[in-house]
Amino acid sequence: MDEYNLAPGELIIMQTSNVRLGVGSGSEALDEIVLTNMNLILVATVSEGLFKTRRYLKRCPLDSILCSADVPQAIAARVNSTPVLRVAFSEETVTVSFTEGGKRLADRWAESVRRAAAGNIDAIDTSELPSGTAAEIADFVDGAVGVVGAVGDSIGSALGASLKAQKPHAEKMAAKVTAKCPGCHAPVAGRKGQGVVCSYCDTKFVL
């Protein structure tokens, strides 16, 4: 789509409005964030005079996300009760706060970014999440479950029991593959499903 300047073979996976870049008083309003199979795109409209505005796109390549134990570093967290998405890129760490949708939306985005970066596009859940009051209730229930779990762990430790907390499944990177560039036929290596740029002719395509 021209409005996002997508590269050949680049596809939109999900997008969300009601977001801000950063957290708290120092944050900046964004029109939306967009996840593709190649980039995390931040979209903002900036005023440039009394009646003039300009739309800006910041493209953050998924192949520049840092990995720990082969897992892309994209996490959901709370900062001063605000749900945020944090993605560690090689040049910077991007923090996006969600003004609607609650922690569940932040969790969904973190999981989706990890899977897109790993090339596991088909595993991304794009179903609609609860909104408004329903989202707040779901978020409250999740928080209550976390508190109960923590209390249960304390009681279990006191009684000598072993109550093991379940950890979220780490999204492993897709298999490494080598393909021929459709532009110049040079060999290009990467992860299956990953968006790449040929170093010989700058052609962008998906492995």
Foldseek 3Di string as FASTA:
>chain_A
DVVQPDAVAKDWQDKDAQKWWDDDPPIHHFRIWTDILFWTKTWHWADDDDPDIDIDIDTHTLLQFDDDPQWGDWDWDADPNWIWIWTHGNVGITIMTHPWQASVVNHLVSVCSRCSSLLNSVPRDPDDDDTDPVSVVVNVVVVVVVVVLVVVCVVCVVVVHDDDDDDDDGDHHADKDWFADPPPGDIDIDHQNHWDADPPPRHIHGD
